[in-house]
Amino acid sequence: MPSDSPQVEKVNRWTKIENVSRTVSLIAVPLVIAAVGWVVQRQLQQQAVSKDYVQLSVSILREPNDPKRISPKLRGWAVDLLQATSPVKLEKDVADQLRNGESILPALETFKAAPSSGLSPEDDAKMKAALETFQEYLRQAGFDIPPTGDIRYDVVEDVDFITTKSGEYFSYYDYAGEVLRVAGKQLTKGNYDLVRHEYMRHVLVPVYPFERDPYKDPKWWNYEAISSGLAVYFACSFSSNPVIGPKSMNIDLDDEFQFGERAHDVGSADDVGQKVWGRAFWELRSKIGRTKADKLLASAWVSWKPSDPNADLFGDFARKILEIDRAQGGRYLDAIQATFKENGLAL
């Protein structure tokens, strides 16, 4: 067949078109993927910013009507923001009452001393202040704090530590009774970080993949270790002090502990959590700043839904932190990876 026949020319034309199409697709596909990724990241960033503004507006509208503290214009701005972001709009009369300060949004869960609590009125006020300021700190970090309910705390009078069937504790969280328990002499020494630590355990519970009391399901010890690390980290991050409780607790997040063996019982879960995970979280905080580290860790914990206790939960949670940061633009990926590598956790 002659090379210049119409049929050959037609075949050559289609071959050129096919080659051009392939070239265009090779260039276009990565661009499309990059564009889609940018759009997704942009949406996630906008959602994060929106969430921060909503939390700010809610905190404003929980305040009593006092123009010296919250100006009417600021209350109006908070109502308008809620109306703009809420899928279900407030009724006009409700919005007007919030705007004018005639109504306020329900407060967060409240703190009450147990009937047996050995607290003077003055110490009780200090206890509530210590917990309420920490509660607001956690809310701003991104944890979901229930809008109703009471959290009880029990101060065991005139003791340095509390003796239970499982051991001696300066403080502990009673999962079954939902009570924060603390030795009275620790509060006289000003160790309010202990009760904040136990409240943090309470805050972490709702996202547990098992029974409310983690100690009743020993398959999840490694999960409990991460939870324990977060509890000590946030108590320390709030006070900007790497040491928690009395010196005999021997918990200093500046100490250089490395990831090694996994948790296998209650003692190892707390030990690995407080000393190893807590250390890694604290180091990450030193690299990227308190606010960013707090929000990153809170978001990772709330969104993490492990289903297999036999999986590599340590690596899984570290990767969840990377995933959250990547979705927010990936600004701290190198710092996160370096932190875990330096502390002996390969990802």
C-alpha atoms as a PDB file:
ATOM      1  CA  MET A   1       0.000   0.000   0.000  1.00  0.00           C
ATOM      2  CA  PRO A   2       1.505   3.388  -0.976  1.00  0.00           C
ATOM      3  CA  SER A   3       2.586   5.547   1.996  1.00  0.00           C
ATOM      4  CA  ASP A   4       0.719   8.573   0.692  1.00  0.00           C
ATOM      5  CA  SER A   5      -2.624   6.797   0.306  1.00  0.00           C
ATOM      6  CA  PRO A   6      -5.677   8.436   2.001  1.00  0.00           C
ATOM      7  CA  GLN A   7      -6.003   5.483   4.356  1.00  0.00           C
ATOM      8  CA  VAL A   8      -2.377   5.797   5.542  1.00  0.00           C
ATOM      9  CA  GLU A   9      -2.804   9.526   6.049  1.00  0.00           C
ATOM     10  CA  LYS A  10      -5.904   8.847   8.115  1.00  0.00           C
ATOM     11  CA  VAL A  11      -4.016   6.334  10.293  1.00  0.00           C
ATOM     12  CA  ASN A  12      -1.124   8.772  10.778  1.00  0.00           C
ATOM     13  CA  ARG A  13      -3.564  11.517  11.725  1.00  0.00           C
ATOM     14  CA  TRP A  14      -5.193   9.331  14.389  1.00  0.00           C
ATOM     15  CA  THR A  15      -1.769   8.273  15.665  1.00  0.00           C
ATOM     16  CA  LYS A  16      -0.773  11.916  16.104  1.00  0.00           C
ATOM     17  CA  ILE A  17      -4.056  12.696  17.844  1.00  0.00           C
ATOM     18  CA  GLU A  18      -3.541   9.715  20.151  1.00  0.00           C
ATOM     19  CA  ASN A  19       0.018  10.778  20.981  1.00  0.00           C
ATOM     20  CA  VAL A  20      -1.084  14.345  21.682  1.00  0.00           C
ATOM     21  CA  SER A  21      -3.918  13.062  23.888  1.00  0.00           C
ATOM     22  CA  ARG A  22      -1.523  10.917  25.859  1.00  0.00           C
ATOM     23  CA  THR A  23       0.851  13.835  26.325  1.00  0.00           C
ATOM     24  CA  VAL A  24      -1.950  16.117  27.440  1.00  0.00           C
ATOM     25  CA  SER A  25      -3.255  13.502  29.885  1.00  0.00           C
ATOM     26  CA  LEU A  26       0.215  12.996  31.366  1.00  0.00           C
ATOM     27  CA  ILE A  27       0.374  16.715  32.041  1.00  0.00           C
ATOM     28  CA  ALA A  28      -3.252  17.243  33.007  1.00  0.00           C
ATOM     29  CA  VAL A  29      -3.778  14.365  35.443  1.00  0.00           C
ATOM     30  CA  PRO A  30      -1.167  15.521  37.997  1.00  0.00           C
ATOM     31  CA  LEU A  31      -2.493  19.075  37.666  1.00  0.00           C
ATOM     32  CA  VAL A  32      -6.063  17.920  38.287  1.00  0.00           C
ATOM     33  CA  ILE A  33      -4.968  15.821  41.282  1.00  0.00           C
ATOM     34  CA  ALA A  34      -3.024  18.760  42.685  1.00  0.00           C
ATOM     35  CA  ALA A  35      -5.983  21.091  42.137  1.00  0.00           C
ATOM     36  CA  VAL A  36      -8.408  18.702  43.835  1.00  0.00           C
ATOM     37  CA  GLY A  37      -5.982  18.262  46.739  1.00  0.00           C
ATOM     38  CA  TRP A  38      -5.662  22.036  47.085  1.00  0.00           C
ATOM     39  CA  VAL A  39      -9.446  22.453  47.124  1.00  0.00           C
ATOM     40  CA  VAL A  40      -9.838  19.739  49.781  1.00  0.00           C
ATOM     41  CA  GLN A  41      -7.084  21.227  51.950  1.00  0.00           C
ATOM     42  CA  ARG A  42      -8.593  24.683  51.507  1.00  0.00           C
ATOM     43  CA  GLN A  43     -11.998  23.423  52.630  1.00  0.00           C
ATOM     44  CA  LEU A  44     -10.494  21.694  55.668  1.00  0.00           C
ATOM     45  CA  GLN A  45      -8.606  24.841  56.620  1.00  0.00           C
ATOM     46  CA  GLN A  46     -11.771  26.915  56.270  1.00  0.00           C
ATOM     47  CA  GLN A  47     -13.690  24.403  58.393  1.00  0.00           C
ATOM     48  CA  ALA A  48     -11.022  24.599  61.100  1.00  0.00           C
ATOM     49  CA  VAL A  49     -11.159  28.411  61.084  1.00  0.00           C
ATOM     50  CA  SER A  50     -14.964  28.329  61.169  1.00  0.00           C
ATOM     51  CA  LYS A  51     -14.900  25.963  64.132  1.00  0.00           C
ATOM     52  CA  ASP A  52     -12.597  28.325  66.045  1.00  0.00           C
ATOM     53  CA  TYR A  53     -14.920  31.272  65.380  1.00  0.00           C
ATOM     54  CA  VAL A  54     -17.989  29.276  66.401  1.00  0.00           C
ATOM     55  CA  GLN A  55     -16.287  28.264  69.653  1.00  0.00           C
ATOM     56  CA  LEU A  56     -15.425  31.916  70.292  1.00  0.00           C
ATOM     57  CA  SER A  57     -19.000  33.060  69.652  1.00  0.00           C
ATOM     58  CA  VAL A  58     -20.421  30.334  71.905  1.00  0.00           C
ATOM     59  CA  SER A  59     -18.064  31.317  74.728  1.00  0.00           C
ATOM     60  CA  ILE A  60     -19.206  34.957  74.361  1.00  0.00           C
ATOM     61  CA  LEU A  61     -22.889  34.006  74.491  1.00  0.00           C
ATOM     62  CA  ARG A  62     -22.353  31.907  77.628  1.00  0.00           C
ATOM     63  CA  GLU A  63     -21.265  35.013  79.522  1.00  0.00           C
ATOM     64  CA  PRO A  64     -23.810  36.845  81.731  1.00  0.00           C
ATOM     65  CA  ASN A  65     -25.102  40.124  80.369  1.00  0.00           C
ATOM     66  CA  ASP A  66     -22.458  42.550  81.625  1.00  0.00           C
ATOM     67  CA  PRO A  67     -21.587  45.391  79.176  1.00  0.00           C
ATOM     68  CA  LYS A  68     -18.332  45.959  81.059  1.00  0.00           C
ATOM     69  CA  ARG A  69     -17.179  42.434  80.113  1.00  0.00           C
ATOM     70  CA  ILE A  70     -18.952  41.800  76.805  1.00  0.00           C
ATOM     71  CA  SER A  71     -20.111  44.758  74.735  1.00  0.00           C
ATOM     72  CA  PRO A  72     -23.562  44.582  73.051  1.00  0.00           C
ATOM     73  CA  LYS A  73     -21.889  44.848  69.646  1.00  0.00           C
ATOM     74  CA  LEU A  74     -19.712  41.815  70.401  1.00  0.00           C
ATOM     75  CA  ARG A  75     -22.770  39.814  71.499  1.00  0.00           C
ATOM     76  CA  GLY A  76     -24.486  40.830  68.272  1.00  0.00           C
ATOM     77  CA  TRP A  77     -21.490  39.699  66.242  1.00  0.00           C
ATOM     78  CA  ALA A  78     -21.536  36.323  68.025  1.00  0.00           C
ATOM     79  CA  VAL A  79     -25.247  35.823  67.268  1.00  0.00           C
ATOM     80  CA  ASP A  80     -24.779  36.777  63.612  1.00  0.00           C
ATOM     81  CA  LEU A  81     -21.878  34.338  63.303  1.00  0.00           C
ATOM     82  CA  LEU A  82     -23.938  31.482  64.747  1.00  0.00           C
ATOM     83  CA  GLN A  83     -26.809  32.297  62.414  1.00  0.00           C
ATOM     84  CA  ALA A  84     -24.467  32.336  59.419  1.00  0.00           C
ATOM     85  CA  THR A  85     -22.814  28.991  60.197  1.00  0.00           C
ATOM     86  CA  SER A  86     -25.650  26.962  61.727  1.00  0.00           C
ATOM     87  CA  PRO A  87     -27.627  24.647  59.407  1.00  0.00           C
ATOM     88  CA  VAL A  88     -30.674  25.247  61.641  1.00  0.00           C
ATOM     89  CA  LYS A  89     -31.246  28.945  62.264  1.00  0.00           C
ATOM     90  CA  LEU A  90     -32.267  30.358  65.619  1.00  0.00           C
ATOM     91  CA  GLU A  91     -35.800  31.691  65.899  1.00  0.00           C
ATOM     92  CA  LYS A  92     -35.856  35.483  65.680  1.00  0.00           C
ATOM     93  CA  ASP A  93     -37.035  35.961  69.267  1.00  0.00           C
ATOM     94  CA  VAL A  94     -34.343  33.591  70.595  1.00  0.00           C
ATOM     95  CA  ALA A  95     -31.652  35.363  68.542  1.00  0.00           C
ATOM     96  CA  ASP A  96     -32.856  38.744  69.820  1.00  0.00           C
ATOM     97  CA  GLN A  97     -32.774  37.539  73.444  1.00  0.00           C
ATOM     98  CA  LEU A  98     -29.185  36.315  73.003  1.00  0.00           C
ATOM     99  CA  ARG A  99     -28.244  39.546  71.269  1.00  0.00           C
ATOM    100  CA  ASN A 100     -29.706  41.684  74.076  1.00  0.00           C
ATOM    101  CA  GLY A 101     -28.313  39.510  76.848  1.00  0.00           C
ATOM    102  CA  GLU A 102     -31.773  38.489  78.068  1.00  0.00           C
ATOM    103  CA  SER A 103     -30.732  34.856  77.556  1.00  0.00           C
ATOM    104  CA  ILE A 104     -27.371  33.101  77.579  1.00  0.00           C
ATOM    105  CA  LEU A 105     -26.282  29.753  76.195  1.00  0.00           C
ATOM    106  CA  PRO A 106     -26.114  26.845  78.656  1.00  0.00           C
ATOM    107  CA  ALA A 107     -22.844  26.563  80.529  1.00  0.00           C
ATOM    108  CA  LEU A 108     -20.498  23.608  80.220  1.00  0.00           C
ATOM    109  CA  GLU A 109     -20.689  20.689  82.635  1.00  0.00           C
ATOM    110  CA  THR A 110     -20.222  21.929  86.176  1.00  0.00           C
ATOM    111  CA  PHE A 111     -18.035  20.789  89.063  1.00  0.00           C
ATOM    112  CA  LYS A 112     -19.374  19.856  92.474  1.00  0.00           C
ATOM    113  CA  ALA A 113     -17.681  18.545  95.581  1.00  0.00           C
ATOM    114  CA  ALA A 114     -18.748  15.061  96.685  1.00  0.00           C
ATOM    115  CA  PRO A 115     -20.585  14.964 100.037  1.00  0.00           C
ATOM    116  CA  SER A 116     -17.539  13.456 101.751  1.00  0.00           C
ATOM    117  CA  SER A 117     -15.120  16.014 100.340  1.00  0.00           C
ATOM    118  CA  GLY A 118     -12.751  17.488 102.928  1.00  0.00           C
ATOM    119  CA  LEU A 119     -12.747  21.031 101.561  1.00  0.00           C
ATOM    120  CA  SER A 120     -13.176  24.399 103.201  1.00  0.00           C
ATOM    121  CA  PRO A 121     -15.301  26.914 101.236  1.00  0.00           C
ATOM    122  CA  GLU A 122     -12.122  28.758 100.248  1.00  0.00           C
ATOM    123  CA  ASP A 123     -10.405  25.588  99.011  1.00  0.00           C
ATOM    124  CA  ASP A 124     -13.571  24.535  97.231  1.00  0.00           C
ATOM    125  CA  ALA A 125     -13.575  27.820  95.309  1.00  0.00           C
ATOM    126  CA  LYS A 126      -9.936  27.266  94.349  1.00  0.00           C
ATOM    127  CA  MET A 127     -10.730  23.751  93.173  1.00  0.00           C
ATOM    128  CA  LYS A 128     -13.586  24.907  90.971  1.00  0.00           C
ATOM    129  CA  ALA A 129     -11.476  27.720  89.510  1.00  0.00           C
ATOM    130  CA  ALA A 130      -8.657  25.287  88.726  1.00  0.00           C
ATOM    131  CA  LEU A 131     -11.037  22.938  86.927  1.00  0.00           C
ATOM    132  CA  GLU A 132     -13.130  25.557  85.133  1.00  0.00           C
ATOM    133  CA  THR A 133     -10.145  27.357  83.632  1.00  0.00           C
ATOM    134  CA  PHE A 134      -8.709  24.025  82.503  1.00  0.00           C
ATOM    135  CA  GLN A 135     -12.074  22.998  81.062  1.00  0.00           C
ATOM    136  CA  GLU A 136     -12.196  26.142  78.929  1.00  0.00           C
ATOM    137  CA  TYR A 137      -8.602  25.554  77.865  1.00  0.00           C
ATOM    138  CA  LEU A 138      -9.511  22.055  76.634  1.00  0.00           C
ATOM    139  CA  ARG A 139     -12.596  23.353  74.841  1.00  0.00           C
ATOM    140  CA  GLN A 140     -10.505  25.875  72.948  1.00  0.00           C
ATOM    141  CA  ALA A 141      -8.048  23.122  72.046  1.00  0.00           C
ATOM    142  CA  GLY A 142     -10.886  21.259  70.322  1.00  0.00           C
ATOM    143  CA  PHE A 143     -12.257  18.732  72.795  1.00  0.00           C
ATOM    144  CA  ASP A 144     -16.019  18.300  72.989  1.00  0.00           C
ATOM    145  CA  ILE A 145     -17.121  19.322  76.478  1.00  0.00           C
ATOM    146  CA  PRO A 146     -20.714  18.317  77.361  1.00  0.00           C
ATOM    147  CA  PRO A 147     -23.013  21.345  77.821  1.00  0.00           C
ATOM    148  CA  THR A 148     -24.780  19.802  80.816  1.00  0.00           C
ATOM    149  CA  GLY A 149     -24.106  17.492  83.747  1.00  0.00           C
ATOM    150  CA  ASP A 150     -22.123  17.553  86.965  1.00  0.00           C
ATOM    151  CA  ILE A 151     -18.624  16.252  87.568  1.00  0.00           C
ATOM    152  CA  ARG A 152     -17.947  15.410  91.194  1.00  0.00           C
ATOM    153  CA  TYR A 153     -14.611  15.677  92.920  1.00  0.00           C
ATOM    154  CA  ASP A 154     -13.723  14.094  96.216  1.00  0.00           C
ATOM    155  CA  VAL A 155     -10.856  15.413  98.305  1.00  0.00           C
ATOM    156  CA  VAL A 156      -9.695  12.790 100.811  1.00  0.00           C
ATOM    157  CA  GLU A 157      -8.788  14.833 103.868  1.00  0.00           C
ATOM    158  CA  ASP A 158      -5.424  14.748 105.663  1.00  0.00           C
ATOM    159  CA  VAL A 159      -3.685  12.151 103.496  1.00  0.00           C
ATOM    160  CA  ASP A 160      -0.710  12.357 101.133  1.00  0.00           C
ATOM    161  CA  PHE A 161      -2.054   9.564  98.937  1.00  0.00           C
ATOM    162  CA  ILE A 162      -5.186   7.464  98.569  1.00  0.00           C
ATOM    163  CA  THR A 163      -4.997   3.734  99.241  1.00  0.00           C
ATOM    164  CA  THR A 164      -7.102   1.471  97.017  1.00  0.00           C
ATOM    165  CA  LYS A 165      -7.204  -2.259  96.248  1.00  0.00           C
ATOM    166  CA  SER A 166      -4.947  -1.690  93.230  1.00  0.00           C
ATOM    167  CA  GLY A 167      -2.370   0.557  94.894  1.00  0.00           C
ATOM    168  CA  GLU A 168      -1.631   3.992  96.302  1.00  0.00           C
ATOM    169  CA  TYR A 169      -2.383   7.141  94.327  1.00  0.00           C
ATOM    170  CA  PHE A 170      -1.967  10.862  94.773  1.00  0.00           C
ATOM    171  CA  SER A 171      -5.083  11.179  92.618  1.00  0.00           C
ATOM    172  CA  TYR A 172      -7.160   9.031  90.287  1.00  0.00           C
ATOM    173  CA  TYR A 173     -10.309   9.080  88.182  1.00  0.00           C
ATOM    174  CA  ASP A 174     -13.088   6.743  89.293  1.00  0.00           C
ATOM    175  CA  TYR A 175     -14.458   5.686  85.890  1.00  0.00           C
ATOM    176  CA  ALA A 176     -17.454   3.834  87.343  1.00  0.00           C
ATOM    177  CA  GLY A 177     -18.622   6.667  89.587  1.00  0.00           C
ATOM    178  CA  GLU A 178     -17.278   9.482  87.374  1.00  0.00           C
ATOM    179  CA  VAL A 179     -15.549  11.089  90.347  1.00  0.00           C
ATOM    180  CA  LEU A 180     -12.203  12.889  90.461  1.00  0.00           C
ATOM    181  CA  ARG A 181     -10.408  11.820  93.640  1.00  0.00           C
ATOM    182  CA  VAL A 182      -7.365  13.554  95.070  1.00  0.00           C
ATOM    183  CA  ALA A 183      -5.398  13.365  98.304  1.00  0.00           C
ATOM    184  CA  GLY A 184      -6.101  16.411 100.446  1.00  0.00           C
ATOM    185  CA  LYS A 185      -2.496  17.173 101.384  1.00  0.00           C
ATOM    186  CA  GLN A 186      -1.603  17.459  97.695  1.00  0.00           C
ATOM    187  CA  LEU A 187      -3.988  20.379  97.330  1.00  0.00           C
ATOM    188  CA  THR A 188      -2.584  22.133 100.371  1.00  0.00           C
ATOM    189  CA  LYS A 189       0.754  21.964  98.547  1.00  0.00           C
ATOM    190  CA  GLY A 190      -0.839  23.579  95.499  1.00  0.00           C
ATOM    191  CA  ASN A 191      -0.766  20.490  93.280  1.00  0.00           C
ATOM    192  CA  TYR A 192      -3.949  21.316  91.372  1.00  0.00           C
ATOM    193  CA  ASP A 193      -2.354  19.838  88.264  1.00  0.00           C
ATOM    194  CA  LEU A 194      -3.235  16.427  89.724  1.00  0.00           C
ATOM    195  CA  VAL A 195      -6.968  17.059  89.646  1.00  0.00           C
ATOM    196  CA  ARG A 196      -6.677  18.607  86.182  1.00  0.00           C
ATOM    197  CA  HIS A 197      -4.949  15.399  85.099  1.00  0.00           C
ATOM    198  CA  GLU A 198      -7.892  13.321  86.369  1.00  0.00           C
ATOM    199  CA  TYR A 199     -10.413  15.612  84.673  1.00  0.00           C
ATOM    200  CA  MET A 200      -8.487  15.128  81.443  1.00  0.00           C
ATOM    201  CA  ARG A 201      -9.020  11.374  81.793  1.00  0.00           C
ATOM    202  CA  HIS A 202     -12.744  12.100  82.049  1.00  0.00           C
ATOM    203  CA  VAL A 203     -12.658  14.231  78.887  1.00  0.00           C
ATOM    204  CA  LEU A 204     -10.838  11.510  76.931  1.00  0.00           C
ATOM    205  CA  VAL A 205     -13.311   8.746  77.865  1.00  0.00           C
ATOM    206  CA  PRO A 206     -16.215   9.419  75.440  1.00  0.00           C
ATOM    207  CA  VAL A 207     -14.184   8.425  72.365  1.00  0.00           C
ATOM    208  CA  TYR A 208     -12.911   5.157  73.819  1.00  0.00           C
ATOM    209  CA  PRO A 209     -13.678   2.184  71.546  1.00  0.00           C
ATOM    210  CA  PHE A 210     -14.502  -0.023  74.518  1.00  0.00           C
ATOM    211  CA  GLU A 211     -16.281   0.019  77.860  1.00  0.00           C
ATOM    212  CA  ARG A 212     -16.124   3.320  79.794  1.00  0.00           C
ATOM    213  CA  ASP A 213     -13.668   1.820  82.244  1.00  0.00           C
ATOM    214  CA  PRO A 214     -10.582   0.961  80.120  1.00  0.00           C
ATOM    215  CA  TYR A 215      -9.136  -1.176  82.890  1.00  0.00           C
ATOM    216  CA  LYS A 216     -11.902  -3.733  82.350  1.00  0.00           C
ATOM    217  CA  ASP A 217     -10.724  -4.497  78.825  1.00  0.00           C
ATOM    218  CA  PRO A 218      -7.007  -5.407  78.969  1.00  0.00           C
ATOM    219  CA  LYS A 219      -6.745  -5.853  75.186  1.00  0.00           C
ATOM    220  CA  TRP A 220      -6.566  -2.081  74.851  1.00  0.00           C
ATOM    221  CA  TRP A 221      -3.577  -1.344  77.112  1.00  0.00           C
ATOM    222  CA  ASN A 222      -1.638   0.343  74.281  1.00  0.00           C
ATOM    223  CA  TYR A 223      -4.605   2.592  73.580  1.00  0.00           C
ATOM    224  CA  GLU A 224      -4.782   3.432  77.269  1.00  0.00           C
ATOM    225  CA  ALA A 225      -1.070   4.287  77.207  1.00  0.00           C
ATOM    226  CA  ILE A 226      -1.684   6.951  74.540  1.00  0.00           C
ATOM    227  CA  SER A 227      -4.640   8.267  76.542  1.00  0.00           C
ATOM    228  CA  SER A 228      -2.455   8.430  79.641  1.00  0.00           C
ATOM    229  CA  GLY A 229       0.162  10.383  77.695  1.00  0.00           C
ATOM    230  CA  LEU A 230      -2.441  12.903  76.551  1.00  0.00           C
ATOM    231  CA  ALA A 231      -3.778  13.286  80.104  1.00  0.00           C
ATOM    232  CA  VAL A 232      -0.388  14.199  81.514  1.00  0.00           C
ATOM    233  CA  TYR A 233       0.558  16.303  78.490  1.00  0.00           C
ATOM    234  CA  PHE A 234      -2.509  18.565  78.615  1.00  0.00           C
ATOM    235  CA  ALA A 235      -2.225  19.033  82.372  1.00  0.00           C
ATOM    236  CA  CYS A 236       1.397  20.107  81.861  1.00  0.00           C
ATOM    237  CA  SER A 237       0.706  22.145  78.727  1.00  0.00           C
ATOM    238  CA  PHE A 238      -1.954  24.164  80.570  1.00  0.00           C
ATOM    239  CA  SER A 239       0.531  25.189  83.257  1.00  0.00           C
ATOM    240  CA  SER A 240       3.517  25.307  80.873  1.00  0.00           C
ATOM    241  CA  ASN A 241       5.384  23.097  83.323  1.00  0.00           C
ATOM    242  CA  PRO A 242       6.829  19.713  82.262  1.00  0.00           C
ATOM    243  CA  VAL A 243       6.696  18.436  85.849  1.00  0.00           C
ATOM    244  CA  ILE A 244       3.414  17.225  87.322  1.00  0.00           C
ATOM    245  CA  GLY A 245       2.608  16.470  90.951  1.00  0.00           C
ATOM    246  CA  PRO A 246       5.117  15.900  93.754  1.00  0.00           C
ATOM    247  CA  LYS A 247       8.706  14.920  92.984  1.00  0.00           C
ATOM    248  CA  SER A 248       8.035  11.365  94.147  1.00  0.00           C
ATOM    249  CA  MET A 249       5.757  10.875  91.114  1.00  0.00           C
ATOM    250  CA  ASN A 250       8.910  11.142  89.017  1.00  0.00           C
ATOM    251  CA  ILE A 251       7.129  12.560  85.980  1.00  0.00           C
ATOM    252  CA  ASP A 252       9.119  15.169  84.083  1.00  0.00           C
ATOM    253  CA  LEU A 253       8.312  15.496  80.379  1.00  0.00           C
ATOM    254  CA  ASP A 254      11.793  16.867  79.757  1.00  0.00           C
ATOM    255  CA  ASP A 255      13.300  13.481  80.671  1.00  0.00           C
ATOM    256  CA  GLU A 256      14.576  11.521  77.686  1.00  0.00           C
ATOM    257  CA  PHE A 257      12.489   8.338  77.517  1.00  0.00           C
ATOM    258  CA  GLN A 258      12.307   6.321  74.299  1.00  0.00           C
ATOM    259  CA  PHE A 259       9.618   4.120  72.742  1.00  0.00           C
ATOM    260  CA  GLY A 260      10.432   0.483  73.436  1.00  0.00           C
ATOM    261  CA  GLU A 261       8.205  -2.239  74.818  1.00  0.00           C
ATOM    262  CA  ARG A 262       4.447  -1.867  74.503  1.00  0.00           C
ATOM    263  CA  ALA A 263       2.024  -1.701  77.421  1.00  0.00           C
ATOM    264  CA  HIS A 264       0.777  -4.974  78.908  1.00  0.00           C
ATOM    265  CA  ASP A 265      -0.969  -3.968  82.156  1.00  0.00           C
ATOM    266  CA  VAL A 266      -2.182  -0.919  84.064  1.00  0.00           C
ATOM    267  CA  GLY A 267       1.258  -0.057  85.407  1.00  0.00           C
ATOM    268  CA  SER A 268       3.035  -0.232  82.069  1.00  0.00           C
ATOM    269  CA  ALA A 269       0.205   1.644  80.336  1.00  0.00           C
ATOM    270  CA  ASP A 270       0.591   4.577  82.717  1.00  0.00           C
ATOM    271  CA  ASP A 271       4.382   4.375  82.699  1.00  0.00           C
ATOM    272  CA  VAL A 272       4.731   4.283  78.908  1.00  0.00           C
ATOM    273  CA  GLY A 273       1.982   6.861  78.496  1.00  0.00           C
ATOM    274  CA  GLN A 274       3.183   9.415  81.001  1.00  0.00           C
ATOM    275  CA  LYS A 275       6.902   9.127  80.361  1.00  0.00           C
ATOM    276  CA  VAL A 276       7.192   8.168  76.687  1.00  0.00           C
ATOM    277  CA  TRP A 277       4.091   9.503  74.954  1.00  0.00           C
ATOM    278  CA  GLY A 278       3.977  12.506  77.262  1.00  0.00           C
ATOM    279  CA  ARG A 279       7.627  13.211  76.456  1.00  0.00           C
ATOM    280  CA  ALA A 280       6.991  12.978  72.686  1.00  0.00           C
ATOM    281  CA  PHE A 281       3.968  15.285  72.876  1.00  0.00           C
ATOM    282  CA  TRP A 282       5.934  17.790  74.955  1.00  0.00           C
ATOM    283  CA  GLU A 283       8.820  17.773  72.494  1.00  0.00           C
ATOM    284  CA  LEU A 284       6.394  18.356  69.618  1.00  0.00           C
ATOM    285  CA  ARG A 285       4.978  21.297  71.572  1.00  0.00           C
ATOM    286  CA  SER A 286       8.471  22.783  71.892  1.00  0.00           C
ATOM    287  CA  LYS A 287       8.911  22.566  68.115  1.00  0.00           C
ATOM    288  CA  ILE A 288       5.592  23.901  66.819  1.00  0.00           C
ATOM    289  CA  GLY A 289       4.199  25.868  69.776  1.00  0.00           C
ATOM    290  CA  ARG A 290       1.635  25.196  72.471  1.00  0.00           C
ATOM    291  CA  THR A 291      -1.543  26.234  70.642  1.00  0.00           C
ATOM    292  CA  LYS A 292      -0.794  24.313  67.464  1.00  0.00           C
ATOM    293  CA  ALA A 293       0.358  21.194  69.326  1.00  0.00           C
ATOM    294  CA  ASP A 294      -2.710  21.235  71.598  1.00  0.00           C
ATOM    295  CA  LYS A 295      -5.145  21.556  68.707  1.00  0.00           C
ATOM    296  CA  LEU A 296      -3.319  19.002  66.582  1.00  0.00           C
ATOM    297  CA  LEU A 297      -3.317  16.378  69.335  1.00  0.00           C
ATOM    298  CA  ALA A 298      -6.931  17.058  70.299  1.00  0.00           C
ATOM    299  CA  SER A 299      -8.074  16.738  66.694  1.00  0.00           C
ATOM    300  CA  ALA A 300      -6.085  13.529  66.205  1.00  0.00           C
ATOM    301  CA  TRP A 301      -7.554  11.912  69.324  1.00  0.00           C
ATOM    302  CA  VAL A 302     -11.160  12.909  68.612  1.00  0.00           C
ATOM    303  CA  SER A 303     -11.010  11.660  65.006  1.00  0.00           C
ATOM    304  CA  TRP A 304      -9.039   8.476  65.724  1.00  0.00           C
ATOM    305  CA  LYS A 305     -11.299   5.397  65.692  1.00  0.00           C
ATOM    306  CA  PRO A 306      -9.166   2.234  66.059  1.00  0.00           C
ATOM    307  CA  SER A 307     -11.053  -1.062  65.902  1.00  0.00           C
ATOM    308  CA  ASP A 308      -8.329  -3.680  66.356  1.00  0.00           C
ATOM    309  CA  PRO A 309      -6.484  -3.763  69.713  1.00  0.00           C
ATOM    310  CA  ASN A 310      -3.836  -6.012  68.182  1.00  0.00           C
ATOM    311  CA  ALA A 311      -2.877  -3.468  65.530  1.00  0.00           C
ATOM    312  CA  ASP A 312       0.159  -1.196  65.811  1.00  0.00           C
ATOM    313  CA  LEU A 313      -1.752   1.419  67.804  1.00  0.00           C
ATOM    314  CA  PHE A 314       1.350   3.465  68.606  1.00  0.00           C
ATOM    315  CA  GLY A 315       2.273   3.867  64.953  1.00  0.00           C
ATOM    316  CA  ASP A 316      -1.379   4.274  64.016  1.00  0.00           C
ATOM    317  CA  PHE A 317      -1.916   7.258  66.313  1.00  0.00           C
ATOM    318  CA  ALA A 318       1.338   8.903  65.221  1.00  0.00           C
ATOM    319  CA  ARG A 319       0.203   8.551  61.609  1.00  0.00           C
ATOM    320  CA  LYS A 320      -3.168  10.048  62.530  1.00  0.00           C
ATOM    321  CA  ILE A 321      -1.344  13.148  63.775  1.00  0.00           C
ATOM    322  CA  LEU A 322       0.465  13.341  60.439  1.00  0.00           C
ATOM    323  CA  GLU A 323      -2.821  12.878  58.602  1.00  0.00           C
ATOM    324  CA  ILE A 324      -4.477  15.743  60.489  1.00  0.00           C
ATOM    325  CA  ASP A 325      -1.564  18.086  59.825  1.00  0.00           C
ATOM    326  CA  ARG A 326      -1.412  17.053  56.171  1.00  0.00           C
ATOM    327  CA  ALA A 327      -5.103  17.882  55.773  1.00  0.00           C
ATOM    328  CA  GLN A 328      -4.399  21.319  57.262  1.00  0.00           C
ATOM    329  CA  GLY A 329      -1.620  22.096  54.825  1.00  0.00           C
ATOM    330  CA  GLY A 330       1.247  19.935  56.068  1.00  0.00           C
ATOM    331  CA  ARG A 331       3.167  22.761  57.660  1.00  0.00           C
ATOM    332  CA  TYR A 332       4.530  20.644  60.517  1.00  0.00           C
ATOM    333  CA  LEU A 333       5.034  17.263  58.858  1.00  0.00           C
ATOM    334  CA  ASP A 334       8.819  17.371  59.198  1.00  0.00           C
ATOM    335  CA  ALA A 335       8.628  18.348  62.872  1.00  0.00           C
ATOM    336  CA  ILE A 336       6.137  15.571  63.642  1.00  0.00           C
ATOM    337  CA  GLN A 337       8.149  12.893  61.847  1.00  0.00           C
ATOM    338  CA  ALA A 338      11.392  14.078  63.443  1.00  0.00           C
ATOM    339  CA  THR A 339       9.846  14.038  66.911  1.00  0.00           C
ATOM    340  CA  PHE A 340       8.735  10.421  66.708  1.00  0.00           C
ATOM    341  CA  LYS A 341      11.942   9.317  65.031  1.00  0.00           C
ATOM    342  CA  GLU A 342      14.084  10.986  67.688  1.00  0.00           C
ATOM    343  CA  ASN A 343      12.032   9.259  70.389  1.00  0.00           C
ATOM    344  CA  GLY A 344      12.394   5.822  68.814  1.00  0.00           C
ATOM    345  CA  LEU A 345       9.085   5.347  66.983  1.00  0.00           C
ATOM    346  CA  ALA A 346       9.625   4.461  63.328  1.00  0.00           C
ATOM    347  CA  LEU A 347       6.780   5.443  60.987  1.00  0.00           C
END
